[in-house]
Amino acid sequence: MKQMKAKGSLTVEAALVVPVVLFCILLILDQGLELYGEVVKTAQKQEMWEEFHPAEKFRKLEQLGELIGR
């Protein structure tokens, strides 16, 4: 039996597989960048809450009320 050689077979398969692989890679990169953006927004919101001290404000109002005589 003679071995048959297919010269264009790999080229055709690569033409079909490479775009699918690239699409998957780009999809993963897009999702990663989107999640990174959400993490940045969450971190900024968390920093805002770290600067906000409701207990301290409550204590100051209580002390003010005691000074006024309420």
N, C-alpha and C. Protein backbone atom coordinates (compact mmCIF):
# COMPACT_ATOMS: atom_id res chain seq x y z
N MET A 1 0.82 -1.18 0.00
CA MET A 1 0.00 0.00 0.00
C MET A 1 0.86 1.24 0.00
N LYS A 2 0.47 2.15 -0.78
CA LYS A 2 1.19 3.41 -0.86
C LYS A 2 0.57 4.39 0.15
N GLN A 3 1.45 5.17 0.73
CA GLN A 3 0.96 6.19 1.66
C GLN A 3 0.53 7.42 0.86
N MET A 4 -0.64 7.90 1.17
CA MET A 4 -1.14 9.09 0.48
C MET A 4 -0.74 10.32 1.27
N LYS A 5 -0.31 11.30 0.54
CA LYS A 5 0.09 12.55 1.19
C LYS A 5 -0.94 13.62 0.84
N ALA A 6 -1.36 14.32 1.85
CA ALA A 6 -2.29 15.43 1.65
C ALA A 6 -1.53 16.70 1.98
N LYS A 7 -1.16 17.43 0.97
CA LYS A 7 -0.33 18.62 1.16
C LYS A 7 -1.13 19.80 1.74
N GLY A 8 -2.34 19.99 1.31
CA GLY A 8 -3.12 21.15 1.76
C GLY A 8 -3.95 20.89 2.99
N SER A 9 -3.93 19.70 3.50
CA SER A 9 -4.78 19.33 4.63
C SER A 9 -4.48 20.15 5.88
N LEU A 10 -3.23 20.30 6.23
CA LEU A 10 -2.86 21.06 7.43
C LEU A 10 -3.22 22.53 7.29
N THR A 11 -3.09 23.07 6.13
CA THR A 11 -3.43 24.47 5.90
C THR A 11 -4.92 24.71 6.10
N VAL A 12 -5.73 23.84 5.59
CA VAL A 12 -7.18 23.98 5.73
C VAL A 12 -7.58 23.82 7.19
N GLU A 13 -7.02 22.84 7.86
CA GLU A 13 -7.35 22.64 9.28
C GLU A 13 -6.91 23.83 10.11
N ALA A 14 -5.74 24.36 9.83
CA ALA A 14 -5.25 25.53 10.56
C ALA A 14 -6.14 26.74 10.29
N ALA A 15 -6.62 26.87 9.08
CA ALA A 15 -7.50 28.00 8.74
C ALA A 15 -8.81 27.92 9.50
N LEU A 16 -9.21 26.74 9.91
CA LEU A 16 -10.44 26.58 10.67
C LEU A 16 -10.19 26.68 12.18
N VAL A 17 -9.08 26.16 12.64
CA VAL A 17 -8.82 26.08 14.08
C VAL A 17 -8.27 27.39 14.64
N VAL A 18 -7.38 28.05 13.95
CA VAL A 18 -6.73 29.26 14.46
C VAL A 18 -7.74 30.36 14.79
N PRO A 19 -8.72 30.69 13.95
CA PRO A 19 -9.69 31.72 14.34
C PRO A 19 -10.50 31.36 15.58
N VAL A 20 -10.83 30.10 15.74
CA VAL A 20 -11.57 29.68 16.92
C VAL A 20 -10.71 29.85 18.18
N VAL A 21 -9.46 29.46 18.10
CA VAL A 21 -8.55 29.61 19.24
C VAL A 21 -8.34 31.08 19.57
N LEU A 22 -8.13 31.92 18.56
CA LEU A 22 -7.95 33.35 18.78
C LEU A 22 -9.20 33.97 19.40
N PHE A 23 -10.37 33.56 18.93
CA PHE A 23 -11.62 34.07 19.48
C PHE A 23 -11.73 33.72 20.97
N CYS A 24 -11.38 32.50 21.32
CA CYS A 24 -11.44 32.08 22.73
C CYS A 24 -10.47 32.89 23.58
N ILE A 25 -9.28 33.12 23.08
CA ILE A 25 -8.29 33.90 23.81
C ILE A 25 -8.77 35.33 24.00
N LEU A 26 -9.30 35.94 22.96
CA LEU A 26 -9.80 37.31 23.05
C LEU A 26 -11.01 37.41 23.98
N LEU A 27 -11.85 36.39 23.98
CA LEU A 27 -13.00 36.37 24.88
C LEU A 27 -12.54 36.33 26.34
N ILE A 28 -11.55 35.51 26.62
CA ILE A 28 -11.01 35.41 27.98
C ILE A 28 -10.35 36.73 28.39
N LEU A 29 -9.61 37.36 27.48
CA LEU A 29 -8.98 38.64 27.79
C LEU A 29 -10.04 39.71 28.06
N ASP A 30 -11.09 39.74 27.26
CA ASP A 30 -12.16 40.72 27.45
C ASP A 30 -12.83 40.55 28.81
N GLN A 31 -13.12 39.32 29.18
CA GLN A 31 -13.74 39.07 30.48
C GLN A 31 -12.79 39.45 31.62
N GLY A 32 -11.52 39.18 31.44
CA GLY A 32 -10.54 39.55 32.46
C GLY A 32 -10.47 41.05 32.65
N LEU A 33 -10.47 41.80 31.55
CA LEU A 33 -10.42 43.26 31.65
C LEU A 33 -11.71 43.81 32.28
N GLU A 34 -12.83 43.21 31.95
CA GLU A 34 -14.11 43.64 32.54
C GLU A 34 -14.12 43.39 34.05
N LEU A 35 -13.64 42.23 34.46
CA LEU A 35 -13.57 41.93 35.89
C LEU A 35 -12.57 42.85 36.60
N TYR A 36 -11.49 43.18 35.95
CA TYR A 36 -10.52 44.11 36.53
C TYR A 36 -11.17 45.47 36.77
N GLY A 37 -11.95 45.93 35.79
CA GLY A 37 -12.65 47.21 35.95
C GLY A 37 -13.61 47.18 37.13
N GLU A 38 -14.31 46.07 37.32
CA GLU A 38 -15.22 45.95 38.46
C GLU A 38 -14.46 45.95 39.78
N VAL A 39 -13.30 45.32 39.80
CA VAL A 39 -12.49 45.31 41.02
C VAL A 39 -12.02 46.72 41.35
N VAL A 40 -11.61 47.49 40.35
CA VAL A 40 -11.17 48.86 40.57
C VAL A 40 -12.31 49.70 41.14
N LYS A 41 -13.52 49.56 40.57
CA LYS A 41 -14.67 50.31 41.08
C LYS A 41 -14.98 49.92 42.52
N THR A 42 -14.93 48.63 42.82
CA THR A 42 -15.21 48.17 44.18
C THR A 42 -14.16 48.69 45.16
N ALA A 43 -12.91 48.71 44.75
CA ALA A 43 -11.85 49.22 45.62
C ALA A 43 -12.05 50.70 45.90
N GLN A 44 -12.47 51.47 44.91
CA GLN A 44 -12.72 52.89 45.11
C GLN A 44 -13.88 53.10 46.07
N LYS A 45 -14.93 52.29 45.95
CA LYS A 45 -16.06 52.41 46.88
C LYS A 45 -15.64 52.04 48.29
N GLN A 46 -14.79 51.03 48.42
CA GLN A 46 -14.33 50.61 49.73
C GLN A 46 -13.50 51.70 50.38
N GLU A 47 -12.66 52.39 49.60
CA GLU A 47 -11.86 53.49 50.14
C GLU A 47 -12.76 54.59 50.66
N MET A 48 -13.88 54.85 49.98
CA MET A 48 -14.81 55.87 50.43
C MET A 48 -15.39 55.48 51.80
N TRP A 49 -15.73 54.19 51.96
CA TRP A 49 -16.31 53.76 53.23
C TRP A 49 -15.27 53.74 54.35
N GLU A 50 -14.01 53.54 54.00
CA GLU A 50 -12.97 53.56 55.03
C GLU A 50 -12.78 54.96 55.59
N GLU A 51 -13.04 55.98 54.77
CA GLU A 51 -12.92 57.36 55.23
C GLU A 51 -14.14 57.78 56.05
N PHE A 52 -15.24 57.07 55.93
CA PHE A 52 -16.47 57.38 56.62
C PHE A 52 -16.49 56.66 57.96
N HIS A 53 -16.58 57.43 59.06
CA HIS A 53 -16.55 56.85 60.40
C HIS A 53 -17.84 57.22 61.12
N PRO A 54 -18.90 56.45 60.95
CA PRO A 54 -20.18 56.81 61.57
C PRO A 54 -20.14 56.77 63.10
N ALA A 55 -19.38 55.85 63.66
CA ALA A 55 -19.31 55.75 65.12
C ALA A 55 -18.67 57.01 65.71
N GLU A 56 -17.67 57.51 65.05
CA GLU A 56 -17.00 58.72 65.52
C GLU A 56 -17.95 59.91 65.47
N LYS A 57 -18.71 60.02 64.39
CA LYS A 57 -19.68 61.11 64.30
C LYS A 57 -20.76 60.97 65.37
N PHE A 58 -21.19 59.76 65.65
CA PHE A 58 -22.20 59.52 66.67
C PHE A 58 -21.67 59.93 68.04
N ARG A 59 -20.42 59.57 68.33
CA ARG A 59 -19.82 59.95 69.62
C ARG A 59 -19.74 61.46 69.77
N LYS A 60 -19.36 62.14 68.70
CA LYS A 60 -19.28 63.60 68.75
C LYS A 60 -20.65 64.21 69.00
N LEU A 61 -21.69 63.67 68.35
CA LEU A 61 -23.04 64.18 68.58
C LEU A 61 -23.50 63.89 70.00
N GLU A 62 -23.16 62.72 70.55
CA GLU A 62 -23.50 62.41 71.93
C GLU A 62 -22.79 63.36 72.89
N GLN A 63 -21.54 63.62 72.66
CA GLN A 63 -20.78 64.55 73.51
C GLN A 63 -21.36 65.96 73.41
N LEU A 64 -21.72 66.36 72.22
CA LEU A 64 -22.34 67.67 72.03
C LEU A 64 -23.67 67.75 72.77
N GLY A 65 -24.43 66.68 72.70
CA GLY A 65 -25.70 66.65 73.42
C GLY A 65 -25.49 66.73 74.93
N GLU A 66 -24.46 66.07 75.44
CA GLU A 66 -24.15 66.14 76.86
C GLU A 66 -23.73 67.55 77.27
N LEU A 67 -22.96 68.20 76.41
CA LEU A 67 -22.53 69.57 76.72
C LEU A 67 -23.70 70.54 76.72
N ILE A 68 -24.63 70.36 75.80
CA ILE A 68 -25.79 71.24 75.71
C ILE A 68 -26.76 70.94 76.84
N GLY A 69 -26.81 69.72 77.28
CA GLY A 69 -27.67 69.34 78.38
C GLY A 69 -28.92 68.59 77.95
N ARG A 70 -28.87 67.91 76.89
CA ARG A 70 -30.02 67.13 76.43
C ARG A 70 -30.11 65.84 77.16
